[in-house]
Each structure stands twice: as structure tokens, then as C-alpha cells.
mmCIF file of all heavy atoms, coordinates in Angstrom:
data_MODEL
# 
_entry.id   MODEL 
# 
loop_
_atom_site.group_PDB 
_atom_site.id 
_atom_site.type_symbol 
_atom_site.label_atom_id 
_atom_site.label_alt_id 
_atom_site.label_comp_id 
_atom_site.label_asym_id 
_atom_site.label_entity_id 
_atom_site.label_seq_id 
_atom_site.pdbx_PDB_ins_code 
_atom_site.Cartn_x 
_atom_site.Cartn_y 
_atom_site.Cartn_z 
_atom_site.occupancy 
_atom_site.B_iso_or_equiv 
_atom_site.pdbx_formal_charge 
_atom_site.auth_seq_id 
_atom_site.auth_comp_id 
_atom_site.auth_asym_id 
_atom_site.auth_atom_id 
_atom_site.pdbx_PDB_model_num 
ATOM 1   N N   . LEU A 1 1  ? 0.830   -1.203  0.000   1.00 0.00 ? 1  LEU A N   1 
ATOM 2   C CA  . LEU A 1 1  ? 0.000   0.000   0.000   1.00 0.00 ? 1  LEU A CA  1 
ATOM 3   C C   . LEU A 1 1  ? 0.865   1.254   0.000   1.00 0.00 ? 1  LEU A C   1 
ATOM 4   O O   . LEU A 1 1  ? 0.589   2.212   0.707   1.00 0.00 ? 1  LEU A O   1 
ATOM 5   C CB  . LEU A 1 1  ? -0.947  0.007   1.217   1.00 0.00 ? 1  LEU A CB  1 
ATOM 6   C CG  . LEU A 1 1  ? -2.135  -0.952  1.148   1.00 0.00 ? 1  LEU A CG  1 
ATOM 7   C CD1 . LEU A 1 1  ? -2.907  -0.939  2.459   1.00 0.00 ? 1  LEU A CD1 1 
ATOM 8   C CD2 . LEU A 1 1  ? -3.056  -0.600  0.011   1.00 0.00 ? 1  LEU A CD2 1 
ATOM 9   N N   . GLU A 1 2  ? 1.921   1.221   -0.784  1.00 0.00 ? 2  GLU A N   1 
ATOM 10  C CA  . GLU A 1 2  ? 2.825   2.375   -0.838  1.00 0.00 ? 2  GLU A CA  1 
ATOM 11  C C   . GLU A 1 2  ? 2.077   3.541   -1.480  1.00 0.00 ? 2  GLU A C   1 
ATOM 12  O O   . GLU A 1 2  ? 1.620   3.452   -2.624  1.00 0.00 ? 2  GLU A O   1 
ATOM 13  C CB  . GLU A 1 2  ? 4.066   1.999   -1.654  1.00 0.00 ? 2  GLU A CB  1 
ATOM 14  C CG  . GLU A 1 2  ? 5.270   2.885   -1.379  1.00 0.00 ? 2  GLU A CG  1 
ATOM 15  C CD  . GLU A 1 2  ? 5.149   4.220   -2.094  1.00 0.00 ? 2  GLU A CD  1 
ATOM 16  O OE1 . GLU A 1 2  ? 4.814   4.214   -3.290  1.00 0.00 ? 2  GLU A OE1 1 
ATOM 17  O OE2 . GLU A 1 2  ? 5.384   5.258   -1.439  1.00 0.00 ? 2  GLU A OE2 1 
ATOM 18  N N   . PRO A 1 3  ? 1.894   4.645   -0.761  1.00 0.00 ? 3  PRO A N   1 
ATOM 19  C CA  . PRO A 1 3  ? 1.026   5.733   -1.228  1.00 0.00 ? 3  PRO A CA  1 
ATOM 20  C C   . PRO A 1 3  ? 1.345   6.251   -2.620  1.00 0.00 ? 3  PRO A C   1 
ATOM 21  O O   . PRO A 1 3  ? 0.446   6.428   -3.437  1.00 0.00 ? 3  PRO A O   1 
ATOM 22  C CB  . PRO A 1 3  ? 1.224   6.815   -0.163  1.00 0.00 ? 3  PRO A CB  1 
ATOM 23  C CG  . PRO A 1 3  ? 1.608   6.062   1.068   1.00 0.00 ? 3  PRO A CG  1 
ATOM 24  C CD  . PRO A 1 3  ? 2.430   4.922   0.578   1.00 0.00 ? 3  PRO A CD  1 
ATOM 25  N N   . GLN A 1 4  ? 2.600   6.481   -2.915  1.00 0.00 ? 4  GLN A N   1 
ATOM 26  C CA  . GLN A 1 4  ? 2.949   7.067   -4.194  1.00 0.00 ? 4  GLN A CA  1 
ATOM 27  C C   . GLN A 1 4  ? 2.627   6.123   -5.344  1.00 0.00 ? 4  GLN A C   1 
ATOM 28  O O   . GLN A 1 4  ? 2.156   6.554   -6.407  1.00 0.00 ? 4  GLN A O   1 
ATOM 29  C CB  . GLN A 1 4  ? 4.439   7.433   -4.231  1.00 0.00 ? 4  GLN A CB  1 
ATOM 30  C CG  . GLN A 1 4  ? 4.844   8.285   -5.437  1.00 0.00 ? 4  GLN A CG  1 
ATOM 31  C CD  . GLN A 1 4  ? 4.039   9.577   -5.527  1.00 0.00 ? 4  GLN A CD  1 
ATOM 32  O OE1 . GLN A 1 4  ? 3.764   10.217  -4.512  1.00 0.00 ? 4  GLN A OE1 1 
ATOM 33  N NE2 . GLN A 1 4  ? 3.660   9.966   -6.743  1.00 0.00 ? 4  GLN A NE2 1 
ATOM 34  N N   . ALA A 1 5  ? 2.842   4.814   -5.120  1.00 0.00 ? 5  ALA A N   1 
ATOM 35  C CA  . ALA A 1 5  ? 2.541   3.834   -6.163  1.00 0.00 ? 5  ALA A CA  1 
ATOM 36  C C   . ALA A 1 5  ? 1.044   3.803   -6.457  1.00 0.00 ? 5  ALA A C   1 
ATOM 37  O O   . ALA A 1 5  ? 0.623   3.743   -7.612  1.00 0.00 ? 5  ALA A O   1 
ATOM 38  C CB  . ALA A 1 5  ? 3.020   2.452   -5.737  1.00 0.00 ? 5  ALA A CB  1 
ATOM 39  N N   . VAL A 1 6  ? 0.226   3.864   -5.402  1.00 0.00 ? 6  VAL A N   1 
ATOM 40  C CA  . VAL A 1 6  ? -1.221  3.871   -5.590  1.00 0.00 ? 6  VAL A CA  1 
ATOM 41  C C   . VAL A 1 6  ? -1.660  5.148   -6.293  1.00 0.00 ? 6  VAL A C   1 
ATOM 42  O O   . VAL A 1 6  ? -2.490  5.125   -7.197  1.00 0.00 ? 6  VAL A O   1 
ATOM 43  C CB  . VAL A 1 6  ? -1.955  3.732   -4.234  1.00 0.00 ? 6  VAL A CB  1 
ATOM 44  C CG1 . VAL A 1 6  ? -3.463  3.872   -4.424  1.00 0.00 ? 6  VAL A CG1 1 
ATOM 45  C CG2 . VAL A 1 6  ? -1.636  2.374   -3.603  1.00 0.00 ? 6  VAL A CG2 1 
ATOM 46  N N   . LEU A 1 7  ? -1.094  6.269   -5.878  1.00 0.00 ? 7  LEU A N   1 
ATOM 47  C CA  . LEU A 1 7  ? -1.457  7.551   -6.475  1.00 0.00 ? 7  LEU A CA  1 
ATOM 48  C C   . LEU A 1 7  ? -1.139  7.576   -7.961  1.00 0.00 ? 7  LEU A C   1 
ATOM 49  O O   . LEU A 1 7  ? -1.899  8.103   -8.770  1.00 0.00 ? 7  LEU A O   1 
ATOM 50  C CB  . LEU A 1 7  ? -0.742  8.698   -5.752  1.00 0.00 ? 7  LEU A CB  1 
ATOM 51  C CG  . LEU A 1 7  ? -1.094  10.118  -6.210  1.00 0.00 ? 7  LEU A CG  1 
ATOM 52  C CD1 . LEU A 1 7  ? -2.583  10.376  -6.032  1.00 0.00 ? 7  LEU A CD1 1 
ATOM 53  C CD2 . LEU A 1 7  ? -0.282  11.141  -5.440  1.00 0.00 ? 7  LEU A CD2 1 
ATOM 54  N N   . GLU A 1 8  ? -0.014  6.990   -8.344  1.00 0.00 ? 8  GLU A N   1 
ATOM 55  C CA  . GLU A 1 8  ? 0.367   6.967   -9.758  1.00 0.00 ? 8  GLU A CA  1 
ATOM 56  C C   . GLU A 1 8  ? -0.600  6.116   -10.575 1.00 0.00 ? 8  GLU A C   1 
ATOM 57  O O   . GLU A 1 8  ? -0.856  6.395   -11.743 1.00 0.00 ? 8  GLU A O   1 
ATOM 58  C CB  . GLU A 1 8  ? 1.790   6.424   -9.894  1.00 0.00 ? 8  GLU A CB  1 
ATOM 59  C CG  . GLU A 1 8  ? 2.863   7.400   -9.383  1.00 0.00 ? 8  GLU A CG  1 
ATOM 60  C CD  . GLU A 1 8  ? 4.250   6.809   -9.427  1.00 0.00 ? 8  GLU A CD  1 
ATOM 61  O OE1 . GLU A 1 8  ? 4.366   5.616   -9.831  1.00 0.00 ? 8  GLU A OE1 1 
ATOM 62  O OE2 . GLU A 1 8  ? 5.209   7.492   -9.047  1.00 0.00 ? 8  GLU A OE2 1 
ATOM 63  N N   . LEU A 1 9  ? -1.135  5.060   -9.966  1.00 0.00 ? 9  LEU A N   1 
ATOM 64  C CA  . LEU A 1 9  ? -2.084  4.213   -10.673 1.00 0.00 ? 9  LEU A CA  1 
ATOM 65  C C   . LEU A 1 9  ? -3.480  4.827   -10.703 1.00 0.00 ? 9  LEU A C   1 
ATOM 66  O O   . LEU A 1 9  ? -4.271  4.550   -11.595 1.00 0.00 ? 9  LEU A O   1 
ATOM 67  C CB  . LEU A 1 9  ? -2.145  2.828   -10.012 1.00 0.00 ? 9  LEU A CB  1 
ATOM 68  C CG  . LEU A 1 9  ? -0.927  1.933   -10.254 1.00 0.00 ? 9  LEU A CG  1 
ATOM 69  C CD1 . LEU A 1 9  ? -1.012  0.696   -9.380  1.00 0.00 ? 9  LEU A CD1 1 
ATOM 70  C CD2 . LEU A 1 9  ? -0.826  1.541   -11.718 1.00 0.00 ? 9  LEU A CD2 1 
ATOM 71  N N   . CYS A 1 10 ? -3.780  5.649   -9.701  1.00 0.00 ? 10 CYS A N   1 
ATOM 72  C CA  . CYS A 1 10 ? -5.087  6.300   -9.639  1.00 0.00 ? 10 CYS A CA  1 
ATOM 73  C C   . CYS A 1 10 ? -5.016  7.612   -10.410 1.00 0.00 ? 10 CYS A C   1 
ATOM 74  O O   . CYS A 1 10 ? -4.857  8.685   -9.815  1.00 0.00 ? 10 CYS A O   1 
ATOM 75  C CB  . CYS A 1 10 ? -5.484  6.555   -8.187  1.00 0.00 ? 10 CYS A CB  1 
ATOM 76  S SG  . CYS A 1 10 ? -5.715  5.071   -7.220  1.00 0.00 ? 10 CYS A SG  1 
ATOM 77  N N   . HIS A 1 11 ? -5.138  7.546   -11.711 1.00 0.00 ? 11 HIS A N   1 
ATOM 78  C CA  . HIS A 1 11 ? -4.976  8.740   -12.540 1.00 0.00 ? 11 HIS A CA  1 
ATOM 79  C C   . HIS A 1 11 ? -6.027  9.798   -12.228 1.00 0.00 ? 11 HIS A C   1 
ATOM 80  O O   . HIS A 1 11 ? -5.801  10.982  -12.453 1.00 0.00 ? 11 HIS A O   1 
ATOM 81  C CB  . HIS A 1 11 ? -5.040  8.353   -14.020 1.00 0.00 ? 11 HIS A CB  1 
ATOM 82  C CG  . HIS A 1 11 ? -3.969  7.400   -14.432 1.00 0.00 ? 11 HIS A CG  1 
ATOM 83  N ND1 . HIS A 1 11 ? -2.627  7.715   -14.396 1.00 0.00 ? 11 HIS A ND1 1 
ATOM 84  C CD2 . HIS A 1 11 ? -4.043  6.121   -14.858 1.00 0.00 ? 11 HIS A CD2 1 
ATOM 85  C CE1 . HIS A 1 11 ? -1.912  6.680   -14.817 1.00 0.00 ? 11 HIS A CE1 1 
ATOM 86  N NE2 . HIS A 1 11 ? -2.743  5.703   -15.091 1.00 0.00 ? 11 HIS A NE2 1 
ATOM 87  N N   . ASP A 1 12 ? -7.182  9.364   -11.726 1.00 0.00 ? 12 ASP A N   1 
ATOM 88  C CA  . ASP A 1 12 ? -8.228  10.340  -11.429 1.00 0.00 ? 12 ASP A CA  1 
ATOM 89  C C   . ASP A 1 12 ? -8.182  10.814  -9.985  1.00 0.00 ? 12 ASP A C   1 
ATOM 90  O O   . ASP A 1 12 ? -9.035  11.574  -9.553  1.00 0.00 ? 12 ASP A O   1 
ATOM 91  C CB  . ASP A 1 12 ? -9.612  9.769   -11.747 1.00 0.00 ? 12 ASP A CB  1 
ATOM 92  C CG  . ASP A 1 12 ? -9.888  8.470   -10.987 1.00 0.00 ? 12 ASP A CG  1 
ATOM 93  O OD1 . ASP A 1 12 ? -9.078  8.115   -10.121 1.00 0.00 ? 12 ASP A OD1 1 
ATOM 94  O OD2 . ASP A 1 12 ? -10.915 7.835   -11.250 1.00 0.00 ? 12 ASP A OD2 1 
ATOM 95  N N   . GLY A 1 13 ? -7.203  10.324  -9.204  1.00 0.00 ? 13 GLY A N   1 
ATOM 96  C CA  . GLY A 1 13 ? -7.049  10.781  -7.831  1.00 0.00 ? 13 GLY A CA  1 
ATOM 97  C C   . GLY A 1 13 ? -8.009  10.149  -6.853  1.00 0.00 ? 13 GLY A C   1 
ATOM 98  O O   . GLY A 1 13 ? -8.139  10.620  -5.724  1.00 0.00 ? 13 GLY A O   1 
ATOM 99  N N   . CYS A 1 14 ? -8.694  9.070   -7.262  1.00 0.00 ? 14 CYS A N   1 
ATOM 100 C CA  . CYS A 1 14 ? -9.652  8.398   -6.384  1.00 0.00 ? 14 CYS A CA  1 
ATOM 101 C C   . CYS A 1 14 ? -9.304  6.917   -6.269  1.00 0.00 ? 14 CYS A C   1 
ATOM 102 O O   . CYS A 1 14 ? -9.011  6.271   -7.258  1.00 0.00 ? 14 CYS A O   1 
ATOM 103 C CB  . CYS A 1 14 ? -11.071 8.521   -6.931  1.00 0.00 ? 14 CYS A CB  1 
ATOM 104 S SG  . CYS A 1 14 ? -11.635 10.206  -7.126  1.00 0.00 ? 14 CYS A SG  1 
ATOM 105 N N   . ALA A 1 15 ? -9.335  6.406   -5.055  1.00 0.00 ? 15 ALA A N   1 
ATOM 106 C CA  . ALA A 1 15 ? -9.099  4.980   -4.837  1.00 0.00 ? 15 ALA A CA  1 
ATOM 107 C C   . ALA A 1 15 ? -10.272 4.393   -4.068  1.00 0.00 ? 15 ALA A C   1 
ATOM 108 O O   . ALA A 1 15 ? -10.622 4.888   -3.005  1.00 0.00 ? 15 ALA A O   1 
ATOM 109 C CB  . ALA A 1 15 ? -7.801  4.757   -4.070  1.00 0.00 ? 15 ALA A CB  1 
ATOM 110 N N   . LEU A 1 16 ? -10.866 3.370   -4.625  1.00 0.00 ? 16 LEU A N   1 
ATOM 111 C CA  . LEU A 1 16 ? -11.979 2.679   -3.992  1.00 0.00 ? 16 LEU A CA  1 
ATOM 112 C C   . LEU A 1 16 ? -11.461 1.365   -3.429  1.00 0.00 ? 16 LEU A C   1 
ATOM 113 O O   . LEU A 1 16 ? -11.034 0.488   -4.167  1.00 0.00 ? 16 LEU A O   1 
ATOM 114 C CB  . LEU A 1 16 ? -13.088 2.419   -5.009  1.00 0.00 ? 16 LEU A CB  1 
ATOM 115 C CG  . LEU A 1 16 ? -14.250 1.542   -4.559  1.00 0.00 ? 16 LEU A CG  1 
ATOM 116 C CD1 . LEU A 1 16 ? -14.996 2.190   -3.414  1.00 0.00 ? 16 LEU A CD1 1 
ATOM 117 C CD2 . LEU A 1 16 ? -15.189 1.260   -5.720  1.00 0.00 ? 16 LEU A CD2 1 
ATOM 118 N N   . LEU A 1 17 ? -11.485 1.211   -2.105  1.00 0.00 ? 17 LEU A N   1 
ATOM 119 C CA  . LEU A 1 17 ? -10.987 0.008   -1.461  1.00 0.00 ? 17 LEU A CA  1 
ATOM 120 C C   . LEU A 1 17 ? -12.140 -0.778  -0.858  1.00 0.00 ? 17 LEU A C   1 
ATOM 121 O O   . LEU A 1 17 ? -12.970 -0.220  -0.142  1.00 0.00 ? 17 LEU A O   1 
ATOM 122 C CB  . LEU A 1 17 ? -9.969  0.351   -0.366  1.00 0.00 ? 17 LEU A CB  1 
ATOM 123 C CG  . LEU A 1 17 ? -8.582  0.772   -0.848  1.00 0.00 ? 17 LEU A CG  1 
ATOM 124 C CD1 . LEU A 1 17 ? -8.572  2.196   -1.356  1.00 0.00 ? 17 LEU A CD1 1 
ATOM 125 C CD2 . LEU A 1 17 ? -7.553  0.611   0.262   1.00 0.00 ? 17 LEU A CD2 1 
ATOM 126 N N   . ASP A 1 18 ? -12.174 -2.071  -1.163  1.00 0.00 ? 18 ASP A N   1 
ATOM 127 C CA  . ASP A 1 18 ? -13.230 -2.938  -0.670  1.00 0.00 ? 18 ASP A CA  1 
ATOM 128 C C   . ASP A 1 18 ? -12.867 -3.350  0.751   1.00 0.00 ? 18 ASP A C   1 
ATOM 129 O O   . ASP A 1 18 ? -12.151 -4.312  0.974   1.00 0.00 ? 18 ASP A O   1 
ATOM 130 C CB  . ASP A 1 18 ? -13.343 -4.155  -1.581  1.00 0.00 ? 18 ASP A CB  1 
ATOM 131 C CG  . ASP A 1 18 ? -14.734 -4.767  -1.566  1.00 0.00 ? 18 ASP A CG  1 
ATOM 132 O OD1 . ASP A 1 18 ? -15.679 -4.113  -1.123  1.00 0.00 ? 18 ASP A OD1 1 
ATOM 133 O OD2 . ASP A 1 18 ? -14.847 -5.920  -1.997  1.00 0.00 ? 18 ASP A OD2 1 
ATOM 134 N N   . MET A 1 19 ? -13.382 -2.662  1.749   1.00 0.00 ? 19 MET A N   1 
ATOM 135 C CA  . MET A 1 19 ? -12.986 -2.893  3.132   1.00 0.00 ? 19 MET A CA  1 
ATOM 136 C C   . MET A 1 19 ? -13.859 -3.905  3.858   1.00 0.00 ? 19 MET A C   1 
ATOM 137 O O   . MET A 1 19 ? -13.510 -4.373  4.920   1.00 0.00 ? 19 MET A O   1 
ATOM 138 C CB  . MET A 1 19 ? -12.968 -1.561  3.891   1.00 0.00 ? 19 MET A CB  1 
ATOM 139 C CG  . MET A 1 19 ? -11.812 -0.654  3.518   1.00 0.00 ? 19 MET A CG  1 
ATOM 140 S SD  . MET A 1 19 ? -10.214 -1.283  4.131   1.00 0.00 ? 19 MET A SD  1 
ATOM 141 C CE  . MET A 1 19 ? -9.546  -2.031  2.657   1.00 0.00 ? 19 MET A CE  1 
ATOM 142 N N   . LYS A 1 20 ? -15.013 -4.230  3.299   1.00 0.00 ? 20 LYS A N   1 
ATOM 143 C CA  . LYS A 1 20 ? -15.816 -5.362  3.797   1.00 0.00 ? 20 LYS A CA  1 
ATOM 144 C C   . LYS A 1 20 ? -16.515 -5.969  2.601   1.00 0.00 ? 20 LYS A C   1 
ATOM 145 O O   . LYS A 1 20 ? -17.382 -5.346  1.998   1.00 0.00 ? 20 LYS A O   1 
ATOM 146 C CB  . LYS A 1 20 ? -16.851 -4.939  4.842   1.00 0.00 ? 20 LYS A CB  1 
ATOM 147 C CG  . LYS A 1 20 ? -17.695 -6.119  5.352   1.00 0.00 ? 20 LYS A CG  1 
ATOM 148 C CD  . LYS A 1 20 ? -18.774 -5.678  6.319   1.00 0.00 ? 20 LYS A CD  1 
ATOM 149 C CE  . LYS A 1 20 ? -19.605 -6.875  6.791   1.00 0.00 ? 20 LYS A CE  1 
ATOM 150 N NZ  . LYS A 1 20 ? -20.381 -7.500  5.683   1.00 0.00 ? 20 LYS A NZ  1 
ATOM 151 N N   . GLY A 1 21 ? -16.113 -7.159  2.243   1.00 0.00 ? 21 GLY A N   1 
ATOM 152 C CA  . GLY A 1 21 ? -16.671 -7.796  1.069   1.00 0.00 ? 21 GLY A CA  1 
ATOM 153 C C   . GLY A 1 21 ? -17.951 -8.550  1.367   1.00 0.00 ? 21 GLY A C   1 
ATOM 154 O O   . GLY A 1 21 ? -18.343 -8.732  2.525   1.00 0.00 ? 21 GLY A O   1 
ATOM 155 N N   . VAL A 1 22 ? -18.610 -9.013  0.311   1.00 0.00 ? 22 VAL A N   1 
ATOM 156 C CA  . VAL A 1 22 ? -19.812 -9.814  0.462   1.00 0.00 ? 22 VAL A CA  1 
ATOM 157 C C   . VAL A 1 22 ? -19.490 -11.122 1.179   1.00 0.00 ? 22 VAL A C   1 
ATOM 158 O O   . VAL A 1 22 ? -20.354 -11.727 1.821   1.00 0.00 ? 22 VAL A O   1 
ATOM 159 C CB  . VAL A 1 22 ? -20.441 -10.083 -0.922  1.00 0.00 ? 22 VAL A CB  1 
ATOM 160 C CG1 . VAL A 1 22 ? -21.577 -11.076 -0.835  1.00 0.00 ? 22 VAL A CG1 1 
ATOM 161 C CG2 . VAL A 1 22 ? -20.942 -8.778  -1.532  1.00 0.00 ? 22 VAL A CG2 1 
ATOM 162 N N   . ASP A 1 23 ? -18.234 -11.565 1.116   1.00 0.00 ? 23 ASP A N   1 
ATOM 163 C CA  . ASP A 1 23 ? -17.826 -12.767 1.836   1.00 0.00 ? 23 ASP A CA  1 
ATOM 164 C C   . ASP A 1 23 ? -17.643 -12.512 3.324   1.00 0.00 ? 23 ASP A C   1 
ATOM 165 O O   . ASP A 1 23 ? -17.316 -13.421 4.086   1.00 0.00 ? 23 ASP A O   1 
ATOM 166 C CB  . ASP A 1 23 ? -16.540 -13.341 1.244   1.00 0.00 ? 23 ASP A CB  1 
ATOM 167 C CG  . ASP A 1 23 ? -15.380 -12.349 1.262   1.00 0.00 ? 23 ASP A CG  1 
ATOM 168 O OD1 . ASP A 1 23 ? -15.557 -11.218 1.780   1.00 0.00 ? 23 ASP A OD1 1 
ATOM 169 O OD2 . ASP A 1 23 ? -14.294 -12.687 0.748   1.00 0.00 ? 23 ASP A OD2 1 
ATOM 170 N N   . GLY A 1 24 ? -17.847 -11.263 3.748   1.00 0.00 ? 24 GLY A N   1 
ATOM 171 C CA  . GLY A 1 24 ? -17.749 -10.926 5.160   1.00 0.00 ? 24 GLY A CA  1 
ATOM 172 C C   . GLY A 1 24 ? -16.360 -10.563 5.628   1.00 0.00 ? 24 GLY A C   1 
ATOM 173 O O   . GLY A 1 24 ? -16.183 -10.113 6.770   1.00 0.00 ? 24 GLY A O   1 
ATOM 174 N N   . MET A 1 25 ? -15.341 -10.730 4.784   1.00 0.00 ? 25 MET A N   1 
ATOM 175 C CA  . MET A 1 25 ? -13.963 -10.474 5.186   1.00 0.00 ? 25 MET A CA  1 
ATOM 176 C C   . MET A 1 25 ? -13.663 -8.973  5.196   1.00 0.00 ? 25 MET A C   1 
ATOM 177 O O   . MET A 1 25 ? -14.115 -8.227  4.325   1.00 0.00 ? 25 MET A O   1 
ATOM 178 C CB  . MET A 1 25 ? -12.998 -11.190 4.244   1.00 0.00 ? 25 MET A CB  1 
ATOM 179 C CG  . MET A 1 25 ? -13.194 -12.708 4.210   1.00 0.00 ? 25 MET A CG  1 
ATOM 180 S SD  . MET A 1 25 ? -13.050 -13.489 5.836   1.00 0.00 ? 25 MET A SD  1 
ATOM 181 C CE  . MET A 1 25 ? -11.295 -13.217 6.165   1.00 0.00 ? 25 MET A CE  1 
ATOM 182 N N   . LEU A 1 26 ? -12.892 -8.557  6.186   1.00 0.00 ? 26 LEU A N   1 
ATOM 183 C CA  . LEU A 1 26 ? -12.507 -7.159  6.333   1.00 0.00 ? 26 LEU A CA  1 
ATOM 184 C C   . LEU A 1 26 ? -11.115 -6.943  5.763   1.00 0.00 ? 26 LEU A C   1 
ATOM 185 O O   . LEU A 1 26 ? -10.253 -7.816  5.856   1.00 0.00 ? 26 LEU A O   1 
ATOM 186 C CB  . LEU A 1 26 ? -12.538 -6.748  7.813   1.00 0.00 ? 26 LEU A CB  1 
ATOM 187 C CG  . LEU A 1 26 ? -13.863 -6.963  8.549   1.00 0.00 ? 26 LEU A CG  1 
ATOM 188 C CD1 . LEU A 1 26 ? -13.733 -6.539  10.011  1.00 0.00 ? 26 LEU A CD1 1 
ATOM 189 C CD2 . LEU A 1 26 ? -14.988 -6.188  7.877   1.00 0.00 ? 26 LEU A CD2 1 
ATOM 190 N N   . GLY A 1 27 ? -10.879 -5.768  5.203   1.00 0.00 ? 27 GLY A N   1 
ATOM 191 C CA  . GLY A 1 27 ? -9.588  -5.457  4.600   1.00 0.00 ? 27 GLY A CA  1 
ATOM 192 C C   . GLY A 1 27 ? -8.669  -4.702  5.534   1.00 0.00 ? 27 GLY A C   1 
ATOM 193 O O   . GLY A 1 27 ? -7.715  -4.071  5.084   1.00 0.00 ? 27 GLY A O   1 
ATOM 194 N N   . TYR A 1 28 ? -8.940  -4.752  6.820   1.00 0.00 ? 28 TYR A N   1 
ATOM 195 C CA  . TYR A 1 28 ? -8.107  -4.072  7.808   1.00 0.00 ? 28 TYR A CA  1 
ATOM 196 C C   . TYR A 1 28 ? -8.126  -4.893  9.094   1.00 0.00 ? 28 TYR A C   1 
ATOM 197 O O   . TYR A 1 28 ? -8.897  -5.850  9.233   1.00 0.00 ? 28 TYR A O   1 
ATOM 198 C CB  . TYR A 1 28 ? -8.630  -2.658  8.074   1.00 0.00 ? 28 TYR A CB  1 
ATOM 199 C CG  . TYR A 1 28 ? -9.953  -2.630  8.805   1.00 0.00 ? 28 TYR A CG  1 
ATOM 200 C CD1 . TYR A 1 28 ? -10.010 -2.417  10.185  1.00 0.00 ? 28 TYR A CD1 1 
ATOM 201 C CD2 . TYR A 1 28 ? -11.162 -2.845  8.132   1.00 0.00 ? 28 TYR A CD2 1 
ATOM 202 C CE1 . TYR A 1 28 ? -11.215 -2.419  10.865  1.00 0.00 ? 28 TYR A CE1 1 
ATOM 203 C CE2 . TYR A 1 28 ? -12.368 -2.848  8.808   1.00 0.00 ? 28 TYR A CE2 1 
ATOM 204 C CZ  . TYR A 1 28 ? -12.397 -2.639  10.168  1.00 0.00 ? 28 TYR A CZ  1 
ATOM 205 O OH  . TYR A 1 28 ? -13.598 -2.651  10.841  1.00 0.00 ? 28 TYR A OH  1 
# 
């Protein structure tokens, strides 16, 4: 989750992270 790497990939400046999936698993 290196910030600069994510920012470079997010050309529109927005990142959508799936923090609780339908499978019930949490991303944190």
C-alpha cells in the first residue's frame, strides 16, 4: 500500500478500497 505507487495508478485521484466484502472479510 505504498502511497505514491497507488497515487500513480489512480490517474483520477480516487481509490476505492473494498474494506468489507460480500464474503464478510474485512480489509483491515
